[in-house]
C-alpha atoms as a PDB file:
ATOM      1  CA  UNK A   1      81.972  65.143   6.078  1.00  0.00           C
ATOM      2  CA  UNK A   2      83.343  62.255   8.189  1.00  0.00           C
ATOM      3  CA  UNK A   3      79.864  60.629   8.714  1.00  0.00           C
ATOM      4  CA  UNK A   4      79.228  60.540   4.981  1.00  0.00           C
ATOM      5  CA  UNK A   5      82.618  59.002   4.315  1.00  0.00           C
ATOM      6  CA  UNK A   6      81.986  56.267   6.898  1.00  0.00           C
ATOM      7  CA  UNK A   7      78.601  55.430   5.231  1.00  0.00           C
ATOM      8  CA  UNK A   8      80.135  55.299   1.803  1.00  0.00           C
ATOM      9  CA  UNK A   9      82.765  52.911   3.103  1.00  0.00           C
ATOM     10  CA  UNK A  10      80.120  50.587   4.633  1.00  0.00           C
ATOM     11  CA  UNK A  11      77.935  50.245   1.485  1.00  0.00           C
ATOM     12  CA  UNK A  12      79.569  49.092  -1.676  1.00  0.00           C
ATOM     13  CA  UNK A  13      79.528  51.539  -4.482  1.00  0.00           C
ATOM     14  CA  UNK A  14      76.457  51.188  -6.751  1.00  0.00           C
ATOM     15  CA  UNK A  15      77.594  51.206 -10.316  1.00  0.00           C
ATOM     16  CA  UNK A  16      75.121  51.387 -13.217  1.00  0.00           C
ATOM     17  CA  UNK A  17      75.622  47.629 -13.867  1.00  0.00           C
ATOM     18  CA  UNK A  18      74.944  46.879 -10.226  1.00  0.00           C
ATOM     19  CA  UNK A  19      71.845  49.071 -10.318  1.00  0.00           C
ATOM     20  CA  UNK A  20      70.674  47.295 -13.479  1.00  0.00           C
ATOM     21  CA  UNK A  21      71.168  43.895 -11.793  1.00  0.00           C
ATOM     22  CA  UNK A  22      69.229  45.018  -8.733  1.00  0.00           C
ATOM     23  CA  UNK A  23      66.418  46.394 -10.900  1.00  0.00           C
ATOM     24  CA  UNK A  24      66.435  43.165 -12.955  1.00  0.00           C
ATOM     25  CA  UNK A  25      66.316  41.065  -9.767  1.00  0.00           C
ATOM     26  CA  UNK A  26      63.465  43.223  -8.425  1.00  0.00           C
ATOM     27  CA  UNK A  27      61.598  42.897 -11.747  1.00  0.00           C
ATOM     28  CA  UNK A  28      62.019  39.122 -11.690  1.00  0.00           C
ATOM     29  CA  UNK A  29      60.758  39.043  -8.101  1.00  0.00           C
ATOM     30  CA  UNK A  30      57.740  41.194  -9.065  1.00  0.00           C
ATOM     31  CA  UNK A  31      57.066  39.006 -12.142  1.00  0.00           C
ATOM     32  CA  UNK A  32      57.283  35.891  -9.983  1.00  0.00           C
ATOM     33  CA  UNK A  33      54.834  37.420  -7.475  1.00  0.00           C
ATOM     34  CA  UNK A  34      52.611  38.482 -10.380  1.00  0.00           C
ATOM     35  CA  UNK A  35      52.663  34.937 -11.796  1.00  0.00           C
ATOM     36  CA  UNK A  36      51.774  33.596  -8.317  1.00  0.00           C
ATOM     37  CA  UNK A  37      48.921  36.114  -8.054  1.00  0.00           C
ATOM     38  CA  UNK A  38      47.672  35.124 -11.542  1.00  0.00           C
ATOM     39  CA  UNK A  39      47.703  31.469 -10.482  1.00  0.00           C
ATOM     40  CA  UNK A  40      45.809  32.335  -7.292  1.00  0.00           C
ATOM     41  CA  UNK A  41      43.309  34.398  -9.311  1.00  0.00           C
ATOM     42  CA  UNK A  42      42.781  31.566 -11.821  1.00  0.00           C
ATOM     43  CA  UNK A  43      42.304  29.133  -8.950  1.00  0.00           C
ATOM     44  CA  UNK A  44      39.841  31.495  -7.265  1.00  0.00           C
ATOM     45  CA  UNK A  45      37.909  31.976 -10.540  1.00  0.00           C
ATOM     46  CA  UNK A  46      37.799  28.204 -11.100  1.00  0.00           C
ATOM     47  CA  UNK A  47      36.617  27.639  -7.520  1.00  0.00           C
ATOM     48  CA  UNK A  48      33.962  30.344  -7.958  1.00  0.00           C
ATOM     49  CA  UNK A  49      32.736  28.732 -11.203  1.00  0.00           C
ATOM     50  CA  UNK A  50      32.641  25.337  -9.498  1.00  0.00           C
ATOM     51  CA  UNK A  51      30.694  26.840  -6.589  1.00  0.00           C
ATOM     52  CA  UNK A  52      28.255  28.529  -8.999  1.00  0.00           C
ATOM     53  CA  UNK A  53      27.778  25.236 -10.866  1.00  0.00           C
ATOM     54  CA  UNK A  54      27.212  23.397  -7.585  1.00  0.00           C
ATOM     55  CA  UNK A  55      24.741  26.090  -6.481  1.00  0.00           C
ATOM     56  CA  UNK A  56      22.881  25.801  -9.797  1.00  0.00           C
ATOM     57  CA  UNK A  57      22.826  22.011  -9.452  1.00  0.00           C
ATOM     58  CA  UNK A  58      21.561  22.226  -5.857  1.00  0.00           C
ATOM     59  CA  UNK A  59      18.866  24.755  -6.817  1.00  0.00           C
ATOM     60  CA  UNK A  60      17.745  22.452  -9.637  1.00  0.00           C
ATOM     61  CA  UNK A  61      17.674  19.488  -7.227  1.00  0.00           C
ATOM     62  CA  UNK A  62      15.677  21.578  -4.739  1.00  0.00           C
ATOM     63  CA  UNK A  63      13.111  22.457  -7.427  1.00  0.00           C
ATOM     64  CA  UNK A  64      12.894  18.796  -8.428  1.00  0.00           C
ATOM     65  CA  UNK A  65      12.482  17.759  -4.784  1.00  0.00           C
ATOM     66  CA  UNK A  66       9.736  20.372  -4.343  1.00  0.00           C
ATOM     67  CA  UNK A  67       7.891  19.031  -7.390  1.00  0.00           C
ATOM     68  CA  UNK A  68       8.339  15.448  -6.155  1.00  0.00           C
ATOM     69  CA  UNK A  69       7.054  16.500  -2.736  1.00  0.00           C
ATOM     70  CA  UNK A  70       3.926  18.032  -4.275  1.00  0.00           C
ATOM     71  CA  UNK A  71       3.430  14.925  -6.382  1.00  0.00           C
ATOM     72  CA  UNK A  72       3.800  12.669  -3.345  1.00  0.00           C
ATOM     73  CA  UNK A  73       1.334  14.804  -1.361  1.00  0.00           C
ATOM     74  CA  UNK A  74      -1.152  14.579  -4.231  1.00  0.00           C
ATOM     75  CA  UNK A  75      -0.648  10.809  -4.491  1.00  0.00           C
ATOM     76  CA  UNK A  76      -1.059  10.439  -0.701  1.00  0.00           C
ATOM     77  CA  UNK A  77      -4.278  12.460  -0.841  1.00  0.00           C
ATOM     78  CA  UNK A  78      -5.498  10.330  -3.739  1.00  0.00           C
ATOM     79  CA  UNK A  79      -4.653   7.144  -1.836  1.00  0.00           C
ATOM     80  CA  UNK A  80      -6.545   8.399   1.240  1.00  0.00           C
ATOM     81  CA  UNK A  81      -9.563   9.121  -0.963  1.00  0.00           C
ATOM     82  CA  UNK A  82      -9.341   5.656  -2.533  1.00  0.00           C
ATOM     83  CA  UNK A  83      -9.020   4.024   0.906  1.00  0.00           C
ATOM     84  CA  UNK A  84     -12.174   5.843   2.031  1.00  0.00           C
ATOM     85  CA  UNK A  85     -13.991   4.633  -1.091  1.00  0.00           C
ATOM     86  CA  UNK A  86     -12.792   1.087  -0.439  1.00  0.00           C
ATOM     87  CA  UNK A  87     -13.944   1.302   3.195  1.00  0.00           C
ATOM     88  CA  UNK A  88     -17.358   2.464   2.018  1.00  0.00           C
ATOM     89  CA  UNK A  89     -17.481  -0.317  -0.556  1.00  0.00           C
ATOM     90  CA  UNK A  90     -16.432  -2.822   2.117  1.00  0.00           C
ATOM     91  CA  UNK A  91     -19.168  -1.509   4.374  1.00  0.00           C
ATOM     92  CA  UNK A  92     -21.658  -1.844   1.505  1.00  0.00           C
ATOM     93  CA  UNK A  93     -20.404  -5.385   0.841  1.00  0.00           C
ATOM     94  CA  UNK A  94     -20.792  -6.231   4.537  1.00  0.00           C
ATOM     95  CA  UNK A  95     -24.387  -4.969   4.461  1.00  0.00           C
ATOM     96  CA  UNK A  96     -25.132  -6.987   1.319  1.00  0.00           C
ATOM     97  CA  UNK A  97     -23.474 -10.062   2.851  1.00  0.00           C
ATOM     98  CA  UNK A  98     -25.601  -9.676   5.987  1.00  0.00           C
ATOM     99  CA  UNK A  99     -28.739  -9.332   3.860  1.00  0.00           C
ATOM    100  CA  UNK A 100     -27.665 -12.356   1.795  1.00  0.00           C
ATOM    101  CA  UNK A 101     -27.147 -14.383   4.972  1.00  0.00           C
ATOM    102  CA  UNK A 102     -30.638 -13.476   6.202  1.00  0.00           C
ATOM    103  CA  UNK A 103     -32.109 -14.430   2.804  1.00  0.00           C
ATOM    104  CA  UNK A 104     -30.173 -17.720   2.825  1.00  0.00           C
ATOM    105  CA  UNK A 105     -31.540 -18.486   6.302  1.00  0.00           C
ATOM    106  CA  UNK A 106     -35.071 -17.705   5.108  1.00  0.00           C
ATOM    107  CA  UNK A 107     -34.528 -19.874   2.026  1.00  0.00           C
ATOM    108  CA  UNK A 108     -33.264 -22.690   4.229  1.00  0.00           C
ATOM    109  CA  UNK A 109     -36.304 -22.308   6.506  1.00  0.00           C
ATOM    110  CA  UNK A 110     -38.590 -22.290   3.453  1.00  0.00           C
ATOM    111  CA  UNK A 111     -36.861 -25.432   2.103  1.00  0.00           C
ATOM    112  CA  UNK A 112     -37.304 -27.138   5.482  1.00  0.00           C
ATOM    113  CA  UNK A 113     -40.979 -26.083   5.575  1.00  0.00           C
ATOM    114  CA  UNK A 114     -41.462 -27.352   2.014  1.00  0.00           C
ATOM    115  CA  UNK A 115     -39.821 -30.701   2.894  1.00  0.00           C
ATOM    116  CA  UNK A 116     -42.029 -30.939   5.981  1.00  0.00           C
ATOM    117  CA  UNK A 117     -45.200 -30.233   3.957  1.00  0.00           C
ATOM    118  CA  UNK A 118     -44.130 -32.686   1.244  1.00  0.00           C
ATOM    119  CA  UNK A 119     -43.486 -35.305   3.918  1.00  0.00           C
ATOM    120  CA  UNK A 120     -46.938 -34.638   5.441  1.00  0.00           C
ATOM    121  CA  UNK A 121     -48.484 -34.798   1.971  1.00  0.00           C
ATOM    122  CA  UNK A 122     -46.662 -38.068   1.244  1.00  0.00           C
ATOM    123  CA  UNK A 123     -47.829 -39.438   4.600  1.00  0.00           C
ATOM    124  CA  UNK A 124     -51.413 -38.367   3.829  1.00  0.00           C
ATOM    125  CA  UNK A 125     -51.239 -39.920   0.333  1.00  0.00           C
ATOM    126  CA  UNK A 126     -49.777 -43.091   1.795  1.00  0.00           C
ATOM    127  CA  UNK A 127     -52.540 -43.164   4.404  1.00  0.00           C
ATOM    128  CA  UNK A 128     -55.134 -42.587   1.682  1.00  0.00           C
ATOM    129  CA  UNK A 129     -53.608 -45.342  -0.431  1.00  0.00           C
ATOM    130  CA  UNK A 130     -53.582 -47.718   2.559  1.00  0.00           C
ATOM    131  CA  UNK A 131     -57.285 -46.962   3.189  1.00  0.00           C
ATOM    132  CA  UNK A 132     -58.158 -47.621  -0.464  1.00  0.00           C
ATOM    133  CA  UNK A 133     -56.304 -50.890  -0.373  1.00  0.00           C
ATOM    134  CA  UNK A 134     -58.083 -51.773   2.850  1.00  0.00           C
ATOM    135  CA  UNK A 135     -61.452 -50.696   1.418  1.00  0.00           C
ATOM    136  CA  UNK A 136     -60.783 -52.712  -1.748  1.00  0.00           C
ATOM    137  CA  UNK A 137     -59.996 -55.786   0.404  1.00  0.00           C
ATOM    138  CA  UNK A 138     -63.177 -55.367   2.333  1.00  0.00           C
ATOM    139  CA  UNK A 139     -65.335 -55.226  -0.764  1.00  0.00           C
END
């Protein structure tokens, strides 16, 4: 048939050697693509492992942060309790200081009263002594 003859003339004749070369070239191309796919797979596996490791690390850090958060909340609560105790103690100290001040004022007043009485007593003794001396002179 004339159409078949024209087609045969356009494409070079495929001999067994030519077919073998084409098959070999195709196999090399497939092997190259396969090697590329293996490399991509290895890269993907490595990236997945790295991501899993990072996830594990982040989860561990999150657990640690949660524990630290609880610890800090407990410490804050403890500090609040201690501050309240210190405020109460300060209040108690203020009361005692006020009472001490009142007692010191009373002591000071008592000392002043005692000095006043001793001065009056000394004056009376001096007056008595002066009278004796005067009486002794008169005798």
